Protein backbone atom coordinates (compact mmCIF):
# COMPACT_ATOMS: atom_id res chain seq x y z
CA UNK A 1 0.00 0.00 0.00
CA UNK A 2 1.31 3.38 -0.94
CA UNK A 3 0.64 6.46 1.13
CA UNK A 4 -1.05 9.21 -0.80
CA UNK A 5 0.99 12.38 -0.60
CA UNK A 6 -0.83 15.68 -0.43
CA UNK A 7 1.20 18.27 -2.28
CA UNK A 8 0.91 22.00 -1.92
CA UNK A 9 -0.77 23.67 -4.88
CA UNK A 10 1.38 25.80 -7.16
CA UNK A 11 0.64 29.17 -8.72
CA UNK A 12 -0.25 28.84 -12.39
CA UNK A 13 1.53 32.09 -13.19
CA UNK A 14 4.92 31.84 -11.46
CA UNK A 15 5.00 28.33 -9.99
CA UNK A 16 5.25 29.52 -6.37
CA UNK A 17 3.83 27.28 -3.64
CA UNK A 18 0.49 28.24 -2.13
CA UNK A 19 -1.22 27.37 1.13
CA UNK A 20 -4.80 26.09 1.05
CA UNK A 21 -6.38 29.31 2.34
CA UNK A 22 -4.58 31.77 0.06
CA UNK A 23 -6.62 33.74 -2.45
CA UNK A 24 -3.66 35.25 -4.34
CA UNK A 25 -0.03 34.33 -4.92
CA UNK A 26 2.47 35.83 -2.46
CA UNK A 27 5.20 36.39 -5.05
CA UNK A 28 3.35 37.55 -8.19
CA UNK A 29 0.01 38.73 -6.71
CA UNK A 30 -1.94 36.63 -9.24
CA UNK A 31 -5.39 35.47 -8.07
CA UNK A 32 -5.73 31.77 -7.27
CA UNK A 33 -8.34 29.86 -9.25
CA UNK A 34 -10.54 27.91 -6.88
CA UNK A 35 -11.65 24.49 -8.04
CA UNK A 36 -15.38 23.85 -8.05
CA UNK A 37 -16.82 20.70 -6.57
CA UNK A 38 -18.68 18.20 -8.72
CA UNK A 39 -21.96 19.32 -7.16
CA UNK A 40 -21.36 22.94 -8.20
CA UNK A 41 -20.47 21.91 -11.74
CA UNK A 42 -23.54 19.66 -12.04
CA UNK A 43 -25.86 22.32 -10.62
CA UNK A 44 -24.50 24.81 -13.15
CA UNK A 45 -25.20 22.41 -15.99
CA UNK A 46 -28.69 21.74 -14.64
CA UNK A 47 -29.40 25.48 -14.49
CA UNK A 48 -28.30 25.94 -18.11
CA UNK A 49 -30.38 22.98 -19.27
CA UNK A 50 -33.47 24.18 -17.43
CA UNK A 51 -33.02 27.70 -18.79
CA UNK A 52 -32.82 26.38 -22.36
CA UNK A 53 -35.87 24.15 -21.80
CA UNK A 54 -37.78 27.11 -20.31
CA UNK A 55 -37.12 29.36 -23.30
CA UNK A 56 -37.97 26.60 -25.79
CA UNK A 57 -41.22 25.99 -23.94
CA UNK A 58 -41.90 29.73 -23.84
CA UNK A 59 -41.36 29.89 -27.60
CA UNK A 60 -43.77 26.98 -28.12
CA UNK A 61 -46.32 28.72 -25.89
CA UNK A 62 -46.16 31.89 -27.97
CA UNK A 63 -46.25 29.90 -31.21
CA UNK A 64 -49.26 27.87 -30.03
CA UNK A 65 -51.32 31.06 -29.85
CA UNK A 66 -50.92 31.65 -33.58
CA UNK A 67 -50.52 28.11 -34.99
CA UNK A 68 -52.23 24.76 -34.46
CA UNK A 69 -49.11 22.70 -35.27
CA UNK A 70 -47.76 21.95 -31.77
CA UNK A 71 -49.35 21.20 -28.43
CA UNK A 72 -52.30 23.27 -27.24
CA UNK A 73 -51.79 26.64 -25.58
CA UNK A 74 -52.98 25.37 -22.19
CA UNK A 75 -50.45 22.52 -22.17
CA UNK A 76 -47.61 24.81 -23.26
CA UNK A 77 -48.53 27.48 -20.70
CA UNK A 78 -48.70 24.91 -17.89
CA UNK A 79 -45.33 23.44 -18.86
CA UNK A 80 -43.80 26.94 -19.04
CA UNK A 81 -45.02 27.83 -15.55
CA UNK A 82 -43.78 24.53 -14.12
CA UNK A 83 -40.37 24.92 -15.79
CA UNK A 84 -40.12 28.46 -14.42
CA UNK A 85 -40.66 27.21 -10.85
CA UNK A 86 -38.20 24.34 -11.32
CA UNK A 87 -35.59 26.70 -12.80
CA UNK A 88 -35.92 29.16 -9.91
CA UNK A 89 -35.68 26.30 -7.42
CA UNK A 90 -32.48 25.06 -9.08
CA UNK A 91 -30.99 28.58 -8.90
CA UNK A 92 -31.78 28.77 -5.18
CA UNK A 93 -30.33 25.31 -4.53
CA UNK A 94 -27.10 26.18 -6.32
CA UNK A 95 -26.47 29.32 -4.26
CA UNK A 96 -24.14 29.02 -1.27
CA UNK A 97 -25.96 28.39 2.00
CA UNK A 98 -24.35 31.36 3.75
CA UNK A 99 -26.02 34.00 1.58
PDB file of N, CA and C in Angstrom:
ATOM      1  N   UNK A   1       0.844  -1.184   0.000  1.00  0.00           N
ATOM      2  CA  UNK A   1       0.000   0.000   0.000  1.00  0.00           C
ATOM      3  C   UNK A   1       0.880   1.235   0.000  1.00  0.00           C
ATOM      4  N   UNK A   2       0.558   2.144  -0.878  1.00  0.00           N
ATOM      5  CA  UNK A   2       1.308   3.384  -0.941  1.00  0.00           C
ATOM      6  C   UNK A   2       0.538   4.488  -0.228  1.00  0.00           C
ATOM      7  N   UNK A   3       1.262   5.321   0.474  1.00  0.00           N
ATOM      8  CA  UNK A   3       0.642   6.463   1.129  1.00  0.00           C
ATOM      9  C   UNK A   3       0.424   7.558   0.091  1.00  0.00           C
ATOM     10  N   UNK A   4      -0.742   8.133   0.136  1.00  0.00           N
ATOM     11  CA  UNK A   4      -1.045   9.210  -0.798  1.00  0.00           C
ATOM     12  C   UNK A   4      -0.474  10.513  -0.246  1.00  0.00           C
ATOM     13  N   UNK A   5       0.362  11.147  -1.038  1.00  0.00           N
ATOM     14  CA  UNK A   5       0.995  12.377  -0.604  1.00  0.00           C
ATOM     15  C   UNK A   5       0.155  13.566  -1.052  1.00  0.00           C
ATOM     16  N   UNK A   6      -0.124  14.447  -0.116  1.00  0.00           N
ATOM     17  CA  UNK A   6      -0.835  15.684  -0.434  1.00  0.00           C
ATOM     18  C   UNK A   6       0.210  16.748  -0.719  1.00  0.00           C
ATOM     19  N   UNK A   7       0.230  17.254  -1.930  1.00  0.00           N
ATOM     20  CA  UNK A   7       1.203  18.274  -2.285  1.00  0.00           C
ATOM     21  C   UNK A   7       0.570  19.647  -2.173  1.00  0.00           C
ATOM     22  N   UNK A   8       1.400  20.625  -1.972  1.00  0.00           N
ATOM     23  CA  UNK A   8       0.914  21.996  -1.919  1.00  0.00           C
ATOM     24  C   UNK A   8       0.619  22.458  -3.338  1.00  0.00           C
ATOM     25  N   UNK A   9      -0.472  23.184  -3.531  1.00  0.00           N
ATOM     26  CA  UNK A   9      -0.767  23.667  -4.879  1.00  0.00           C
ATOM     27  C   UNK A   9       0.239  24.724  -5.312  1.00  0.00           C
ATOM     28  N   UNK A  10       0.433  24.830  -6.609  1.00  0.00           N
ATOM     29  CA  UNK A  10       1.375  25.797  -7.162  1.00  0.00           C
ATOM     30  C   UNK A  10       0.622  26.869  -7.928  1.00  0.00           C
ATOM     31  N   UNK A  11       1.198  28.051  -7.961  1.00  0.00           N
ATOM     32  CA  UNK A  11       0.642  29.172  -8.717  1.00  0.00           C
ATOM     33  C   UNK A  11       0.767  28.856 -10.206  1.00  0.00           C
ATOM     34  N   UNK A  12      -0.282  29.113 -10.953  1.00  0.00           N
ATOM     35  CA  UNK A  12      -0.255  28.842 -12.394  1.00  0.00           C
ATOM     36  C   UNK A  12       0.577  29.872 -13.139  1.00  0.00           C
ATOM     37  N   UNK A  13       0.804  31.021 -12.534  1.00  0.00           N
ATOM     38  CA  UNK A  13       1.532  32.093 -13.193  1.00  0.00           C
ATOM     39  C   UNK A  13       3.042  31.962 -12.999  1.00  0.00           C
ATOM     40  N   UNK A  14       3.480  31.838 -11.728  1.00  0.00           N
ATOM     41  CA  UNK A  14       4.922  31.845 -11.459  1.00  0.00           C
ATOM     42  C   UNK A  14       5.443  30.521 -10.909  1.00  0.00           C
ATOM     43  N   UNK A  15       4.563  29.618 -10.513  1.00  0.00           N
ATOM     44  CA  UNK A  15       4.995  28.329  -9.989  1.00  0.00           C
ATOM     45  C   UNK A  15       5.275  28.338  -8.492  1.00  0.00           C
ATOM     46  N   UNK A  16       5.028  29.448  -7.808  1.00  0.00           N
ATOM     47  CA  UNK A  16       5.248  29.525  -6.366  1.00  0.00           C
ATOM     48  C   UNK A  16       4.261  28.648  -5.615  1.00  0.00           C
ATOM     49  N   UNK A  17       4.683  28.162  -4.453  1.00  0.00           N
ATOM     50  CA  UNK A  17       3.835  27.284  -3.644  1.00  0.00           C
ATOM     51  C   UNK A  17       2.809  28.103  -2.871  1.00  0.00           C
ATOM     52  N   UNK A  18       1.594  27.554  -2.783  1.00  0.00           N
ATOM     53  CA  UNK A  18       0.487  28.238  -2.128  1.00  0.00           C
ATOM     54  C   UNK A  18      -0.046  27.401  -0.978  1.00  0.00           C
ATOM     55  N   UNK A  19      -0.514  28.062   0.054  1.00  0.00           N
ATOM     56  CA  UNK A  19      -1.222  27.373   1.132  1.00  0.00           C
ATOM     57  C   UNK A  19      -2.679  27.216   0.721  1.00  0.00           C
ATOM     58  N   UNK A  20      -3.424  26.370   1.430  1.00  0.00           N
ATOM     59  CA  UNK A  20      -4.802  26.091   1.050  1.00  0.00           C
ATOM     60  C   UNK A  20      -5.716  27.306   1.167  1.00  0.00           C
ATOM     61  N   UNK A  21      -5.480  28.184   2.123  1.00  0.00           N
ATOM     62  CA  UNK A  21      -6.378  29.308   2.337  1.00  0.00           C
ATOM     63  C   UNK A  21      -6.051  30.558   1.547  1.00  0.00           C
ATOM     64  N   UNK A  22      -4.994  30.561   0.770  1.00  0.00           N
ATOM     65  CA  UNK A  22      -4.582  31.772   0.065  1.00  0.00           C
ATOM     66  C   UNK A  22      -5.486  32.059  -1.133  1.00  0.00           C
ATOM     67  N   UNK A  23      -5.788  33.336  -1.327  1.00  0.00           N
ATOM     68  CA  UNK A  23      -6.619  33.743  -2.454  1.00  0.00           C
ATOM     69  C   UNK A  23      -5.804  34.360  -3.582  1.00  0.00           C
ATOM     70  N   UNK A  24      -4.547  34.746  -3.289  1.00  0.00           N
ATOM     71  CA  UNK A  24      -3.657  35.246  -4.341  1.00  0.00           C
ATOM     72  C   UNK A  24      -2.230  34.833  -4.019  1.00  0.00           C
ATOM     73  N   UNK A  25      -1.415  34.762  -5.046  1.00  0.00           N
ATOM     74  CA  UNK A  25      -0.030  34.333  -4.916  1.00  0.00           C
ATOM     75  C   UNK A  25       0.774  35.381  -4.154  1.00  0.00           C
ATOM     76  N   UNK A  26       1.658  34.929  -3.258  1.00  0.00           N
ATOM     77  CA  UNK A  26       2.466  35.833  -2.457  1.00  0.00           C
ATOM     78  C   UNK A  26       3.536  36.523  -3.299  1.00  0.00           C
ATOM     79  N   UNK A  27       4.088  35.829  -4.284  1.00  0.00           N
ATOM     80  CA  UNK A  27       5.197  36.393  -5.048  1.00  0.00           C
ATOM     81  C   UNK A  27       4.752  37.251  -6.235  1.00  0.00           C
ATOM     82  N   UNK A  28       3.733  36.805  -6.974  1.00  0.00           N
ATOM     83  CA  UNK A  28       3.352  37.550  -8.187  1.00  0.00           C
ATOM     84  C   UNK A  28       1.994  38.240  -8.077  1.00  0.00           C
ATOM     85  N   UNK A  29       1.302  38.091  -6.961  1.00  0.00           N
ATOM     86  CA  UNK A  29       0.007  38.732  -6.705  1.00  0.00           C
ATOM     87  C   UNK A  29      -1.103  38.275  -7.653  1.00  0.00           C
ATOM     88  N   UNK A  30      -0.914  37.149  -8.339  1.00  0.00           N
ATOM     89  CA  UNK A  30      -1.939  36.630  -9.245  1.00  0.00           C
ATOM     90  C   UNK A  30      -3.044  35.960  -8.425  1.00  0.00           C
ATOM     91  N   UNK A  31      -4.310  36.133  -8.814  1.00  0.00           N
ATOM     92  CA  UNK A  31      -5.390  35.470  -8.073  1.00  0.00           C
ATOM     93  C   UNK A  31      -5.350  33.954  -8.273  1.00  0.00           C
ATOM     94  N   UNK A  32      -5.733  33.231  -7.230  1.00  0.00           N
ATOM     95  CA  UNK A  32      -5.731  31.773  -7.266  1.00  0.00           C
ATOM     96  C   UNK A  32      -7.089  31.301  -7.768  1.00  0.00           C
ATOM     97  N   UNK A  33      -7.093  30.425  -8.755  1.00  0.00           N
ATOM     98  CA  UNK A  33      -8.341  29.856  -9.254  1.00  0.00           C
ATOM     99  C   UNK A  33      -8.791  28.767  -8.305  1.00  0.00           C
ATOM    100  N   UNK A  34      -9.998  28.926  -7.772  1.00  0.00           N
ATOM    101  CA  UNK A  34     -10.543  27.913  -6.880  1.00  0.00           C
ATOM    102  C   UNK A  34     -11.232  26.843  -7.708  1.00  0.00           C
ATOM    103  N   UNK A  35     -11.026  25.596  -7.326  1.00  0.00           N
ATOM    104  CA  UNK A  35     -11.652  24.493  -8.043  1.00  0.00           C
ATOM    105  C   UNK A  35     -13.068  24.302  -7.514  1.00  0.00           C
ATOM    106  N   UNK A  36     -13.997  24.076  -8.429  1.00  0.00           N
ATOM    107  CA  UNK A  36     -15.379  23.851  -8.046  1.00  0.00           C
ATOM    108  C   UNK A  36     -15.588  22.372  -7.777  1.00  0.00           C
ATOM    109  N   UNK A  37     -16.495  22.091  -6.864  1.00  0.00           N
ATOM    110  CA  UNK A  37     -16.815  20.696  -6.572  1.00  0.00           C
ATOM    111  C   UNK A  37     -17.703  20.142  -7.684  1.00  0.00           C
ATOM    112  N   UNK A  38     -17.839  18.832  -7.700  1.00  0.00           N
ATOM    113  CA  UNK A  38     -18.681  18.196  -8.717  1.00  0.00           C
ATOM    114  C   UNK A  38     -20.124  18.644  -8.598  1.00  0.00           C
ATOM    115  N   UNK A  39     -20.574  18.882  -7.372  1.00  0.00           N
ATOM    116  CA  UNK A  39     -21.956  19.316  -7.161  1.00  0.00           C
ATOM    117  C   UNK A  39     -22.174  20.691  -7.794  1.00  0.00           C
ATOM    118  N   UNK A  40     -21.230  21.604  -7.616  1.00  0.00           N
ATOM    119  CA  UNK A  40     -21.360  22.938  -8.198  1.00  0.00           C
ATOM    120  C   UNK A  40     -21.369  22.888  -9.721  1.00  0.00           C
ATOM    121  N   UNK A  41     -20.520  22.048 -10.287  1.00  0.00           N
ATOM    122  CA  UNK A  41     -20.470  21.909 -11.744  1.00  0.00           C
ATOM    123  C   UNK A  41     -21.783  21.324 -12.265  1.00  0.00           C
ATOM    124  N   UNK A  42     -22.294  20.292 -11.597  1.00  0.00           N
ATOM    125  CA  UNK A  42     -23.538  19.659 -12.037  1.00  0.00           C
ATOM    126  C   UNK A  42     -24.733  20.591 -11.881  1.00  0.00           C
ATOM    127  N   UNK A  43     -24.768  21.375 -10.801  1.00  0.00           N
ATOM    128  CA  UNK A  43     -25.864  22.317 -10.619  1.00  0.00           C
ATOM    129  C   UNK A  43     -25.823  23.406 -11.681  1.00  0.00           C
ATOM    130  N   UNK A  44     -24.623  23.831 -12.080  1.00  0.00           N
ATOM    131  CA  UNK A  44     -24.501  24.811 -13.150  1.00  0.00           C
ATOM    132  C   UNK A  44     -25.029  24.278 -14.466  1.00  0.00           C
ATOM    133  N   UNK A  45     -24.705  23.038 -14.761  1.00  0.00           N
ATOM    134  CA  UNK A  45     -25.199  22.413 -15.988  1.00  0.00           C
ATOM    135  C   UNK A  45     -26.718  22.254 -15.949  1.00  0.00           C
ATOM    136  N   UNK A  46     -27.246  21.887 -14.792  1.00  0.00           N
ATOM    137  CA  UNK A  46     -28.690  21.738 -14.636  1.00  0.00           C
ATOM    138  C   UNK A  46     -29.395  23.075 -14.852  1.00  0.00           C
ATOM    139  N   UNK A  47     -28.817  24.148 -14.305  1.00  0.00           N
ATOM    140  CA  UNK A  47     -29.403  25.480 -14.490  1.00  0.00           C
ATOM    141  C   UNK A  47     -29.433  25.869 -15.962  1.00  0.00           C
ATOM    142  N   UNK A  48     -28.345  25.602 -16.675  1.00  0.00           N
ATOM    143  CA  UNK A  48     -28.297  25.939 -18.105  1.00  0.00           C
ATOM    144  C   UNK A  48     -29.322  25.117 -18.873  1.00  0.00           C
ATOM    145  N   UNK A  49     -29.409  23.841 -18.585  1.00  0.00           N
ATOM    146  CA  UNK A  49     -30.379  22.976 -19.269  1.00  0.00           C
ATOM    147  C   UNK A  49     -31.812  23.397 -19.004  1.00  0.00           C
ATOM    148  N   UNK A  50     -32.117  23.747 -17.756  1.00  0.00           N
ATOM    149  CA  UNK A  50     -33.469  24.185 -17.428  1.00  0.00           C
ATOM    150  C   UNK A  50     -33.790  25.534 -18.066  1.00  0.00           C
ATOM    151  N   UNK A  51     -32.796  26.404 -18.148  1.00  0.00           N
ATOM    152  CA  UNK A  51     -33.019  27.702 -18.791  1.00  0.00           C
ATOM    153  C   UNK A  51     -33.319  27.527 -20.272  1.00  0.00           C
ATOM    154  N   UNK A  52     -32.573  26.652 -20.933  1.00  0.00           N
ATOM    155  CA  UNK A  52     -32.818  26.384 -22.356  1.00  0.00           C
ATOM    156  C   UNK A  52     -34.204  25.770 -22.551  1.00  0.00           C
ATOM    157  N   UNK A  53     -34.563  24.797 -21.696  1.00  0.00           N
ATOM    158  CA  UNK A  53     -35.874  24.154 -21.802  1.00  0.00           C
ATOM    159  C   UNK A  53     -36.991  25.166 -21.549  1.00  0.00           C
ATOM    160  N   UNK A  54     -36.771  26.091 -20.608  1.00  0.00           N
ATOM    161  CA  UNK A  54     -37.782  27.112 -20.311  1.00  0.00           C
ATOM    162  C   UNK A  54     -38.021  28.008 -21.526  1.00  0.00           C
ATOM    163  N   UNK A  55     -36.944  28.471 -22.156  1.00  0.00           N
ATOM    164  CA  UNK A  55     -37.117  29.363 -23.296  1.00  0.00           C
ATOM    165  C   UNK A  55     -37.682  28.640 -24.520  1.00  0.00           C
ATOM    166  N   UNK A  56     -37.355  27.376 -24.705  1.00  0.00           N
ATOM    167  CA  UNK A  56     -37.966  26.595 -25.789  1.00  0.00           C
ATOM    168  C   UNK A  56     -39.462  26.446 -25.534  1.00  0.00           C
ATOM    169  N   UNK A  57     -39.814  26.144 -24.294  1.00  0.00           N
ATOM    170  CA  UNK A  57     -41.223  25.991 -23.937  1.00  0.00           C
ATOM    171  C   UNK A  57     -41.963  27.325 -24.053  1.00  0.00           C
ATOM    172  N   UNK A  58     -41.293  28.408 -23.694  1.00  0.00           N
ATOM    173  CA  UNK A  58     -41.899  29.732 -23.839  1.00  0.00           C
ATOM    174  C   UNK A  58     -42.141  30.053 -25.313  1.00  0.00           C
ATOM    175  N   UNK A  59     -41.178  29.699 -26.156  1.00  0.00           N
ATOM    176  CA  UNK A  59     -41.360  29.892 -27.597  1.00  0.00           C
ATOM    177  C   UNK A  59     -42.520  29.071 -28.146  1.00  0.00           C
ATOM    178  N   UNK A  60     -42.644  27.819 -27.687  1.00  0.00           N
ATOM    179  CA  UNK A  60     -43.773  26.983 -28.116  1.00  0.00           C
ATOM    180  C   UNK A  60     -45.096  27.547 -27.623  1.00  0.00           C
ATOM    181  N   UNK A  61     -45.095  28.133 -26.424  1.00  0.00           N
ATOM    182  CA  UNK A  61     -46.319  28.722 -25.887  1.00  0.00           C
ATOM    183  C   UNK A  61     -46.767  29.889 -26.751  1.00  0.00           C
ATOM    184  N   UNK A  62     -45.822  30.752 -27.117  1.00  0.00           N
ATOM    185  CA  UNK A  62     -46.165  31.895 -27.970  1.00  0.00           C
ATOM    186  C   UNK A  62     -46.594  31.414 -29.354  1.00  0.00           C
ATOM    187  N   UNK A  63     -45.888  30.411 -29.881  1.00  0.00           N
ATOM    188  CA  UNK A  63     -46.246  29.899 -31.210  1.00  0.00           C
ATOM    189  C   UNK A  63     -47.603  29.207 -31.197  1.00  0.00           C
ATOM    190  N   UNK A  64     -47.982  28.584 -30.082  1.00  0.00           N
ATOM    191  CA  UNK A  64     -49.259  27.867 -30.033  1.00  0.00           C
ATOM    192  C   UNK A  64     -50.449  28.817 -30.057  1.00  0.00           C
ATOM    193  N   UNK A  65     -50.230  30.089 -29.756  1.00  0.00           N
ATOM    194  CA  UNK A  65     -51.321  31.060 -29.847  1.00  0.00           C
ATOM    195  C   UNK A  65     -51.697  31.270 -31.309  1.00  0.00           C
ATOM    196  N   UNK A  66     -50.699  31.296 -32.180  1.00  0.00           N
ATOM    197  CA  UNK A  66     -50.924  31.649 -33.576  1.00  0.00           C
ATOM    198  C   UNK A  66     -51.042  30.448 -34.511  1.00  0.00           C
ATOM    199  N   UNK A  67     -50.513  29.282 -34.115  1.00  0.00           N
ATOM    200  CA  UNK A  67     -50.518  28.111 -34.986  1.00  0.00           C
ATOM    201  C   UNK A  67     -51.108  26.906 -34.263  1.00  0.00           C
ATOM    202  N   UNK A  68     -51.654  25.990 -35.027  1.00  0.00           N
ATOM    203  CA  UNK A  68     -52.226  24.760 -34.462  1.00  0.00           C
ATOM    204  C   UNK A  68     -51.318  23.563 -34.694  1.00  0.00           C
ATOM    205  N   UNK A  69     -50.025  23.779 -34.908  1.00  0.00           N
ATOM    206  CA  UNK A  69     -49.109  22.703 -35.271  1.00  0.00           C
ATOM    207  C   UNK A  69     -48.641  21.931 -34.036  1.00  0.00           C
ATOM    208  N   UNK A  70     -48.317  22.598 -32.961  1.00  0.00           N
ATOM    209  CA  UNK A  70     -47.761  21.955 -31.771  1.00  0.00           C
ATOM    210  C   UNK A  70     -48.825  21.622 -30.744  1.00  0.00           C
ATOM    211  N   UNK A  71     -48.394  21.463 -29.511  1.00  0.00           N
ATOM    212  CA  UNK A  71     -49.352  21.202 -28.428  1.00  0.00           C
ATOM    213  C   UNK A  71     -50.276  22.408 -28.215  1.00  0.00           C
ATOM    214  N   UNK A  72     -51.345  22.190 -27.478  1.00  0.00           N
ATOM    215  CA  UNK A  72     -52.296  23.274 -27.238  1.00  0.00           C
ATOM    216  C   UNK A  72     -51.675  24.348 -26.342  1.00  0.00           C
ATOM    217  N   UNK A  73     -52.297  25.520 -26.370  1.00  0.00           N
ATOM    218  CA  UNK A  73     -51.795  26.645 -25.580  1.00  0.00           C
ATOM    219  C   UNK A  73     -51.824  26.331 -24.092  1.00  0.00           C
ATOM    220  N   UNK A  74     -52.849  25.665 -23.624  1.00  0.00           N
ATOM    221  CA  UNK A  74     -52.978  25.365 -22.193  1.00  0.00           C
ATOM    222  C   UNK A  74     -51.848  24.447 -21.738  1.00  0.00           C
ATOM    223  N   UNK A  75     -51.544  23.434 -22.533  1.00  0.00           N
ATOM    224  CA  UNK A  75     -50.451  22.520 -22.171  1.00  0.00           C
ATOM    225  C   UNK A  75     -49.108  23.244 -22.175  1.00  0.00           C
ATOM    226  N   UNK A  76     -48.877  24.075 -23.188  1.00  0.00           N
ATOM    227  CA  UNK A  76     -47.608  24.813 -23.259  1.00  0.00           C
ATOM    228  C   UNK A  76     -47.481  25.805 -22.111  1.00  0.00           C
ATOM    229  N   UNK A  77     -48.576  26.507 -21.793  1.00  0.00           N
ATOM    230  CA  UNK A  77     -48.530  27.485 -20.703  1.00  0.00           C
ATOM    231  C   UNK A  77     -48.277  26.790 -19.364  1.00  0.00           C
ATOM    232  N   UNK A  78     -48.912  25.650 -19.135  1.00  0.00           N
ATOM    233  CA  UNK A  78     -48.701  24.914 -17.887  1.00  0.00           C
ATOM    234  C   UNK A  78     -47.254  24.432 -17.781  1.00  0.00           C
ATOM    235  N   UNK A  79     -46.716  23.912 -18.877  1.00  0.00           N
ATOM    236  CA  UNK A  79     -45.328  23.441 -18.864  1.00  0.00           C
ATOM    237  C   UNK A  79     -44.363  24.600 -18.649  1.00  0.00           C
ATOM    238  N   UNK A  80     -44.662  25.766 -19.222  1.00  0.00           N
ATOM    239  CA  UNK A  80     -43.800  26.935 -19.045  1.00  0.00           C
ATOM    240  C   UNK A  80     -43.783  27.380 -17.589  1.00  0.00           C
ATOM    241  N   UNK A  81     -44.949  27.420 -16.959  1.00  0.00           N
ATOM    242  CA  UNK A  81     -45.025  27.827 -15.547  1.00  0.00           C
ATOM    243  C   UNK A  81     -44.276  26.833 -14.663  1.00  0.00           C
ATOM    244  N   UNK A  82     -44.469  25.554 -14.917  1.00  0.00           N
ATOM    245  CA  UNK A  82     -43.782  24.531 -14.117  1.00  0.00           C
ATOM    246  C   UNK A  82     -42.271  24.621 -14.300  1.00  0.00           C
ATOM    247  N   UNK A  83     -41.818  24.789 -15.544  1.00  0.00           N
ATOM    248  CA  UNK A  83     -40.373  24.923 -15.788  1.00  0.00           C
ATOM    249  C   UNK A  83     -39.802  26.179 -15.136  1.00  0.00           C
ATOM    250  N   UNK A  84     -40.584  27.245 -15.089  1.00  0.00           N
ATOM    251  CA  UNK A  84     -40.119  28.464 -14.417  1.00  0.00           C
ATOM    252  C   UNK A  84     -39.881  28.194 -12.929  1.00  0.00           C
ATOM    253  N   UNK A  85     -40.831  27.518 -12.272  1.00  0.00           N
ATOM    254  CA  UNK A  85     -40.662  27.212 -10.854  1.00  0.00           C
ATOM    255  C   UNK A  85     -39.485  26.273 -10.611  1.00  0.00           C
ATOM    256  N   UNK A  86     -39.313  25.278 -11.473  1.00  0.00           N
ATOM    257  CA  UNK A  86     -38.199  24.342 -11.321  1.00  0.00           C
ATOM    258  C   UNK A  86     -36.867  25.055 -11.541  1.00  0.00           C
ATOM    259  N   UNK A  87     -36.819  25.947 -12.524  1.00  0.00           N
ATOM    260  CA  UNK A  87     -35.587  26.702 -12.803  1.00  0.00           C
ATOM    261  C   UNK A  87     -35.222  27.596 -11.624  1.00  0.00           C
ATOM    262  N   UNK A  88     -36.190  28.300 -11.059  1.00  0.00           N
ATOM    263  CA  UNK A  88     -35.919  29.164  -9.909  1.00  0.00           C
ATOM    264  C   UNK A  88     -35.490  28.349  -8.693  1.00  0.00           C
ATOM    265  N   UNK A  89     -36.077  27.175  -8.522  1.00  0.00           N
ATOM    266  CA  UNK A  89     -35.677  26.299  -7.421  1.00  0.00           C
ATOM    267  C   UNK A  89     -34.237  25.822  -7.598  1.00  0.00           C
ATOM    268  N   UNK A  90     -33.851  25.491  -8.824  1.00  0.00           N
ATOM    269  CA  UNK A  90     -32.476  25.064  -9.083  1.00  0.00           C
ATOM    270  C   UNK A  90     -31.483  26.191  -8.834  1.00  0.00           C
ATOM    271  N   UNK A  91     -31.865  27.431  -9.160  1.00  0.00           N
ATOM    272  CA  UNK A  91     -30.993  28.580  -8.899  1.00  0.00           C
ATOM    273  C   UNK A  91     -30.818  28.752  -7.392  1.00  0.00           C
ATOM    274  N   UNK A  92     -31.875  28.635  -6.632  1.00  0.00           N
ATOM    275  CA  UNK A  92     -31.781  28.771  -5.178  1.00  0.00           C
ATOM    276  C   UNK A  92     -30.956  27.653  -4.562  1.00  0.00           C
ATOM    277  N   UNK A  93     -31.088  26.435  -5.081  1.00  0.00           N
ATOM    278  CA  UNK A  93     -30.329  25.309  -4.533  1.00  0.00           C
ATOM    279  C   UNK A  93     -28.843  25.432  -4.831  1.00  0.00           C
ATOM    280  N   UNK A  94     -28.499  26.083  -5.933  1.00  0.00           N
ATOM    281  CA  UNK A  94     -27.095  26.179  -6.316  1.00  0.00           C
ATOM    282  C   UNK A  94     -26.374  27.324  -5.629  1.00  0.00           C
ATOM    283  N   UNK A  95     -27.102  28.221  -4.985  1.00  0.00           N
ATOM    284  CA  UNK A  95     -26.474  29.324  -4.264  1.00  0.00           C
ATOM    285  C   UNK A  95     -25.824  28.801  -2.991  1.00  0.00           C
ATOM    286  N   UNK A  96     -24.753  29.436  -2.537  1.00  0.00           N
ATOM    287  CA  UNK A  96     -24.144  29.017  -1.271  1.00  0.00           C
ATOM    288  C   UNK A  96     -25.118  29.208  -0.113  1.00  0.00           C
ATOM    289  N   UNK A  97     -25.007  28.356   0.891  1.00  0.00           N
ATOM    290  CA  UNK A  97     -25.955  28.385   1.998  1.00  0.00           C
ATOM    291  C   UNK A  97     -25.769  29.593   2.905  1.00  0.00           C
ATOM    292  N   UNK A  98     -24.609  30.227   2.890  1.00  0.00           N
ATOM    293  CA  UNK A  98     -24.350  31.358   3.754  1.00  0.00           C
ATOM    294  C   UNK A  98     -24.985  32.657   3.307  1.00  0.00           C
ATOM    295  N   UNK A  99     -25.469  32.732   2.063  1.00  0.00           N
ATOM    296  CA  UNK A  99     -26.016  34.001   1.577  1.00  0.00           C
ATOM    297  C   UNK A  99     -27.506  34.083   1.756  1.00  0.00           C
TER     298      UNK A  99
END
